[in-house]
């Protein structure tokens, strides 16, 4: 159960990071509305990815 929650949070953070990168590069799916928002999404996703990875390593 715990590993499923960790993998779910890692997958969600990866999806957010992917969408932010796509928005910065291709102006898709959000039309390139705000570069600042995309950067903050990337930072937030990076923090969640790091925390998820560390938690997974700790629970092994």
PDB file of N, CA and C in Angstrom:
ATOM      1  N   UNK A   1       0.823  -1.193   0.000  1.00  0.00           N
ATOM      2  CA  UNK A   1       0.000   0.000   0.000  1.00  0.00           C
ATOM      3  C   UNK A   1       0.868   1.259   0.000  1.00  0.00           C
ATOM      4  N   UNK A   2       1.880   1.274   0.851  1.00  0.00           N
ATOM      5  CA  UNK A   2       2.733   2.453   0.952  1.00  0.00           C
ATOM      6  C   UNK A   2       3.502   2.672  -0.345  1.00  0.00           C
ATOM      7  N   UNK A   3       4.016   1.594  -0.922  1.00  0.00           N
ATOM      8  CA  UNK A   3       4.771   1.738  -2.169  1.00  0.00           C
ATOM      9  C   UNK A   3       3.878   2.236  -3.299  1.00  0.00           C
ATOM     10  N   UNK A   4       2.628   1.819  -3.314  1.00  0.00           N
ATOM     11  CA  UNK A   4       1.708   2.312  -4.340  1.00  0.00           C
ATOM     12  C   UNK A   4       1.488   3.812  -4.214  1.00  0.00           C
ATOM     13  N   UNK A   5       1.394   4.311  -2.990  1.00  0.00           N
ATOM     14  CA  UNK A   5       1.226   5.751  -2.784  1.00  0.00           C
ATOM     15  C   UNK A   5       2.482   6.506  -3.207  1.00  0.00           C
ATOM     16  N   UNK A   6       3.635   5.933  -2.915  1.00  0.00           N
ATOM     17  CA  UNK A   6       4.893   6.577  -3.318  1.00  0.00           C
ATOM     18  C   UNK A   6       4.982   6.626  -4.835  1.00  0.00           C
ATOM     19  N   UNK A   7       4.710   5.511  -5.487  1.00  0.00           N
ATOM     20  CA  UNK A   7       4.778   5.482  -6.956  1.00  0.00           C
ATOM     21  C   UNK A   7       3.736   6.405  -7.578  1.00  0.00           C
ATOM     22  N   UNK A   8       2.569   6.515  -6.954  1.00  0.00           N
ATOM     23  CA  UNK A   8       1.540   7.421  -7.447  1.00  0.00           C
ATOM     24  C   UNK A   8       1.981   8.874  -7.376  1.00  0.00           C
ATOM     25  N   UNK A   9       2.620   9.249  -6.267  1.00  0.00           N
ATOM     26  CA  UNK A   9       3.090  10.629  -6.141  1.00  0.00           C
ATOM     27  C   UNK A   9       4.237  10.908  -7.102  1.00  0.00           C
ATOM     28  N   UNK A  10       5.106   9.937  -7.316  1.00  0.00           N
ATOM     29  CA  UNK A  10       6.197  10.108  -8.282  1.00  0.00           C
ATOM     30  C   UNK A  10       5.625  10.252  -9.694  1.00  0.00           C
ATOM     31  N   UNK A  11       4.632   9.450 -10.022  1.00  0.00           N
ATOM     32  CA  UNK A  11       4.018   9.531 -11.356  1.00  0.00           C
ATOM     33  C   UNK A  11       3.315  10.870 -11.553  1.00  0.00           C
ATOM     34  N   UNK A  12       2.605  11.349 -10.537  1.00  0.00           N
ATOM     35  CA  UNK A  12       1.917  12.636 -10.646  1.00  0.00           C
ATOM     36  C   UNK A  12       2.915  13.777 -10.803  1.00  0.00           C
ATOM     37  N   UNK A  13       4.001  13.738 -10.043  1.00  0.00           N
ATOM     38  CA  UNK A  13       5.024  14.779 -10.153  1.00  0.00           C
ATOM     39  C   UNK A  13       5.707  14.720 -11.520  1.00  0.00           C
ATOM     40  N   UNK A  14       5.926  13.519 -12.028  1.00  0.00           N
ATOM     41  CA  UNK A  14       6.511  13.385 -13.365  1.00  0.00           C
ATOM     42  C   UNK A  14       5.595  13.948 -14.436  1.00  0.00           C
ATOM     43  N   UNK A  15       4.303  13.719 -14.289  1.00  0.00           N
ATOM     44  CA  UNK A  15       3.340  14.254 -15.248  1.00  0.00           C
ATOM     45  C   UNK A  15       3.314  15.783 -15.207  1.00  0.00           C
ATOM     46  N   UNK A  16       3.341  16.350 -14.019  1.00  0.00           N
ATOM     47  CA  UNK A  16       3.359  17.806 -13.882  1.00  0.00           C
ATOM     48  C   UNK A  16       4.626  18.378 -14.519  1.00  0.00           C
ATOM     49  N   UNK A  17       5.765  17.735 -14.265  1.00  0.00           N
ATOM     50  CA  UNK A  17       7.026  18.203 -14.848  1.00  0.00           C
ATOM     51  C   UNK A  17       6.986  18.119 -16.367  1.00  0.00           C
ATOM     52  N   UNK A  18       6.462  17.024 -16.890  1.00  0.00           N
ATOM     53  CA  UNK A  18       6.366  16.857 -18.342  1.00  0.00           C
ATOM     54  C   UNK A  18       5.478  17.933 -18.966  1.00  0.00           C
ATOM     55  N   UNK A  19       4.328  18.193 -18.354  1.00  0.00           N
ATOM     56  CA  UNK A  19       3.429  19.225 -18.880  1.00  0.00           C
ATOM     57  C   UNK A  19       4.056  20.612 -18.806  1.00  0.00           C
ATOM     58  N   UNK A  20       4.800  20.888 -17.742  1.00  0.00           N
ATOM     59  CA  UNK A  20       5.454  22.191 -17.626  1.00  0.00           C
ATOM     60  C   UNK A  20       6.532  22.346 -18.697  1.00  0.00           C
ATOM     61  N   UNK A  21       7.295  21.298 -18.945  1.00  0.00           N
ATOM     62  CA  UNK A  21       8.333  21.359 -19.985  1.00  0.00           C
ATOM     63  C   UNK A  21       7.699  21.527 -21.360  1.00  0.00           C
ATOM     64  N   UNK A  22       6.634  20.775 -21.621  1.00  0.00           N
ATOM     65  CA  UNK A  22       5.946  20.918 -22.905  1.00  0.00           C
ATOM     66  C   UNK A  22       5.392  22.327 -23.084  1.00  0.00           C
ATOM     67  N   UNK A  23       4.880  22.909 -22.020  1.00  0.00           N
ATOM     68  CA  UNK A  23       4.330  24.255 -22.111  1.00  0.00           C
ATOM     69  C   UNK A  23       5.428  25.284 -22.374  1.00  0.00           C
ATOM     70  N   UNK A  24       6.595  25.087 -21.778  1.00  0.00           N
ATOM     71  CA  UNK A  24       7.692  26.029 -22.011  1.00  0.00           C
ATOM     72  C   UNK A  24       8.235  25.923 -23.427  1.00  0.00           C
ATOM     73  N   UNK A  25       8.353  24.705 -23.923  1.00  0.00           N
ATOM     74  CA  UNK A  25       8.989  24.488 -25.222  1.00  0.00           C
ATOM     75  C   UNK A  25       8.010  24.665 -26.381  1.00  0.00           C
ATOM     76  N   UNK A  26       6.855  24.011 -26.292  1.00  0.00           N
ATOM     77  CA  UNK A  26       5.922  23.962 -27.425  1.00  0.00           C
ATOM     78  C   UNK A  26       4.696  24.859 -27.263  1.00  0.00           C
ATOM     79  N   UNK A  27       4.564  25.505 -26.104  1.00  0.00           N
ATOM     80  CA  UNK A  27       3.377  26.310 -25.798  1.00  0.00           C
ATOM     81  C   UNK A  27       2.100  25.464 -25.840  1.00  0.00           C
ATOM     82  N   UNK A  28       2.252  24.204 -25.480  1.00  0.00           N
ATOM     83  CA  UNK A  28       1.142  23.257 -25.423  1.00  0.00           C
ATOM     84  C   UNK A  28       1.258  22.527 -24.102  1.00  0.00           C
ATOM     85  N   UNK A  29       0.319  22.300 -23.348  1.00  0.00           N
ATOM     86  CA  UNK A  29      -1.126  22.349 -23.455  1.00  0.00           C
ATOM     87  C   UNK A  29      -1.751  23.622 -22.888  1.00  0.00           C
ATOM     88  N   UNK A  30      -0.960  24.502 -22.274  1.00  0.00           N
ATOM     89  CA  UNK A  30      -1.535  25.677 -21.620  1.00  0.00           C
ATOM     90  C   UNK A  30      -1.333  26.960 -22.409  1.00  0.00           C
ATOM     91  N   UNK A  31      -0.803  26.888 -23.588  1.00  0.00           N
ATOM     92  CA  UNK A  31      -0.635  28.052 -24.436  1.00  0.00           C
ATOM     93  C   UNK A  31       0.502  28.967 -24.014  1.00  0.00           C
ATOM     94  N   UNK A  32       1.443  28.466 -23.220  1.00  0.00           N
ATOM     95  CA  UNK A  32       2.562  29.281 -22.790  1.00  0.00           C
ATOM     96  C   UNK A  32       2.143  30.475 -21.956  1.00  0.00           C
ATOM     97  N   UNK A  33       1.144  30.284 -21.119  1.00  0.00           N
ATOM     98  CA  UNK A  33       0.536  31.391 -20.377  1.00  0.00           C
ATOM     99  C   UNK A  33       1.553  32.133 -19.516  1.00  0.00           C
ATOM    100  N   UNK A  34       2.345  31.413 -18.730  1.00  0.00           N
ATOM    101  CA  UNK A  34       3.269  32.074 -17.811  1.00  0.00           C
ATOM    102  C   UNK A  34       4.522  31.226 -17.623  1.00  0.00           C
ATOM    103  N   UNK A  35       5.651  31.788 -17.980  1.00  0.00           N
ATOM    104  CA  UNK A  35       6.926  31.094 -17.797  1.00  0.00           C
ATOM    105  C   UNK A  35       7.227  30.915 -16.312  1.00  0.00           C
ATOM    106  N   UNK A  36       6.872  31.904 -15.513  1.00  0.00           N
ATOM    107  CA  UNK A  36       7.106  31.816 -14.069  1.00  0.00           C
ATOM    108  C   UNK A  36       6.343  30.641 -13.462  1.00  0.00           C
ATOM    109  N   UNK A  37       5.110  30.465 -13.861  1.00  0.00           N
ATOM    110  CA  UNK A  37       4.308  29.354 -13.360  1.00  0.00           C
ATOM    111  C   UNK A  37       4.916  28.020 -13.770  1.00  0.00           C
ATOM    112  N   UNK A  38       5.389  27.919 -15.008  1.00  0.00           N
ATOM    113  CA  UNK A  38       6.021  26.681 -15.462  1.00  0.00           C
ATOM    114  C   UNK A  38       7.269  26.360 -14.641  1.00  0.00           C
ATOM    115  N   UNK A  39       8.064  27.369 -14.350  1.00  0.00           N
ATOM    116  CA  UNK A  39       9.275  27.150 -13.554  1.00  0.00           C
ATOM    117  C   UNK A  39       8.915  26.715 -12.138  1.00  0.00           C
ATOM    118  N   UNK A  40       7.900  27.347 -11.559  1.00  0.00           N
ATOM    119  CA  UNK A  40       7.473  26.946 -10.214  1.00  0.00           C
ATOM    120  C   UNK A  40       6.889  25.536 -10.199  1.00  0.00           C
ATOM    121  N   UNK A  41       6.159  25.162 -11.250  1.00  0.00           N
ATOM    122  CA  UNK A  41       5.672  23.781 -11.364  1.00  0.00           C
ATOM    123  C   UNK A  41       6.843  22.801 -11.427  1.00  0.00           C
ATOM    124  N   UNK A  42       7.879  23.150 -12.198  1.00  0.00           N
ATOM    125  CA  UNK A  42       9.054  22.276 -12.284  1.00  0.00           C
ATOM    126  C   UNK A  42       9.753  22.144 -10.934  1.00  0.00           C
ATOM    127  N   UNK A  43       9.901  23.246 -10.224  1.00  0.00           N
ATOM    128  CA  UNK A  43      10.529  23.179  -8.903  1.00  0.00           C
ATOM    129  C   UNK A  43       9.713  22.332  -7.935  1.00  0.00           C
ATOM    130  N   UNK A  44       8.402  22.515  -7.939  1.00  0.00           N
ATOM    131  CA  UNK A  44       7.541  21.710  -7.078  1.00  0.00           C
ATOM    132  C   UNK A  44       7.588  20.231  -7.426  1.00  0.00           C
ATOM    133  N   UNK A  45       7.578  19.946  -8.721  1.00  0.00           N
ATOM    134  CA  UNK A  45       7.657  18.546  -9.152  1.00  0.00           C
ATOM    135  C   UNK A  45       8.996  17.935  -8.768  1.00  0.00           C
ATOM    136  N   UNK A  46      10.074  18.710  -8.874  1.00  0.00           N
ATOM    137  CA  UNK A  46      11.392  18.206  -8.499  1.00  0.00           C
ATOM    138  C   UNK A  46      11.447  17.880  -7.010  1.00  0.00           C
ATOM    139  N   UNK A  47      10.845  18.719  -6.187  1.00  0.00           N
ATOM    140  CA  UNK A  47      10.823  18.462  -4.743  1.00  0.00           C
ATOM    141  C   UNK A  47      10.034  17.193  -4.439  1.00  0.00           C
ATOM    142  N   UNK A  48       8.878  17.044  -5.059  1.00  0.00           N
ATOM    143  CA  UNK A  48       8.060  15.848  -4.813  1.00  0.00           C
ATOM    144  C   UNK A  48       8.766  14.591  -5.330  1.00  0.00           C
ATOM    145  N   UNK A  49       9.410  14.685  -6.492  1.00  0.00           N
ATOM    146  CA  UNK A  49      10.164  13.538  -7.010  1.00  0.00           C
ATOM    147  C   UNK A  49      11.287  13.153  -6.057  1.00  0.00           C
ATOM    148  N   UNK A  50      12.029  14.128  -5.559  1.00  0.00           N
ATOM    149  CA  UNK A  50      13.111  13.843  -4.621  1.00  0.00           C
ATOM    150  C   UNK A  50      12.576  13.205  -3.343  1.00  0.00           C
ATOM    151  N   UNK A  51      11.510  13.777  -2.783  1.00  0.00           N
ATOM    152  CA  UNK A  51      10.942  13.232  -1.551  1.00  0.00           C
ATOM    153  C   UNK A  51      10.397  11.819  -1.764  1.00  0.00           C
ATOM    154  N   UNK A  52       9.779  11.586  -2.921  1.00  0.00           N
ATOM    155  CA  UNK A  52       9.280  10.249  -3.228  1.00  0.00           C
ATOM    156  C   UNK A  52      10.401   9.231  -3.362  1.00  0.00           C
ATOM    157  N   UNK A  53      11.473   9.630  -4.031  1.00  0.00           N
ATOM    158  CA  UNK A  53      12.613   8.724  -4.203  1.00  0.00           C
ATOM    159  C   UNK A  53      13.258   8.404  -2.860  1.00  0.00           C
ATOM    160  N   UNK A  54      13.465   9.409  -2.018  1.00  0.00           N
ATOM    161  CA  UNK A  54      14.061   9.181  -0.716  1.00  0.00           C
ATOM    162  C   UNK A  54      13.172   8.308   0.175  1.00  0.00           C
ATOM    163  N   UNK A  55      11.871   8.525   0.108  1.00  0.00           N
ATOM    164  CA  UNK A  55      10.950   7.706   0.902  1.00  0.00           C
ATOM    165  C   UNK A  55      10.955   6.262   0.408  1.00  0.00           C
ATOM    166  N   UNK A  56      11.012   6.081  -0.906  1.00  0.00           N
ATOM    167  CA  UNK A  56      11.079   4.718  -1.442  1.00  0.00           C
ATOM    168  C   UNK A  56      12.338   4.005  -0.980  1.00  0.00           C
ATOM    169  N   UNK A  57      13.466   4.705  -1.023  1.00  0.00           N
ATOM    170  CA  UNK A  57      14.733   4.106  -0.582  1.00  0.00           C
ATOM    171  C   UNK A  57      14.696   3.768   0.901  1.00  0.00           C
ATOM    172  N   UNK A  58      14.032   4.619   1.698  1.00  0.00           N
ATOM    173  CA  UNK A  58      13.947   4.385   3.134  1.00  0.00           C
ATOM    174  C   UNK A  58      13.058   3.199   3.463  1.00  0.00           C
ATOM    175  N   UNK A  59      12.027   2.949   2.651  1.00  0.00           N
ATOM    176  CA  UNK A  59      11.084   1.863   2.928  1.00  0.00           C
ATOM    177  C   UNK A  59      11.520   0.513   2.379  1.00  0.00           C
ATOM    178  N   UNK A  60      12.615   0.450   1.681  1.00  0.00           N
ATOM    179  CA  UNK A  60      13.064  -0.832   1.132  1.00  0.00           C
ATOM    180  C   UNK A  60      13.409  -1.823   2.164  1.00  0.00           C
TER     181      UNK A  60
END
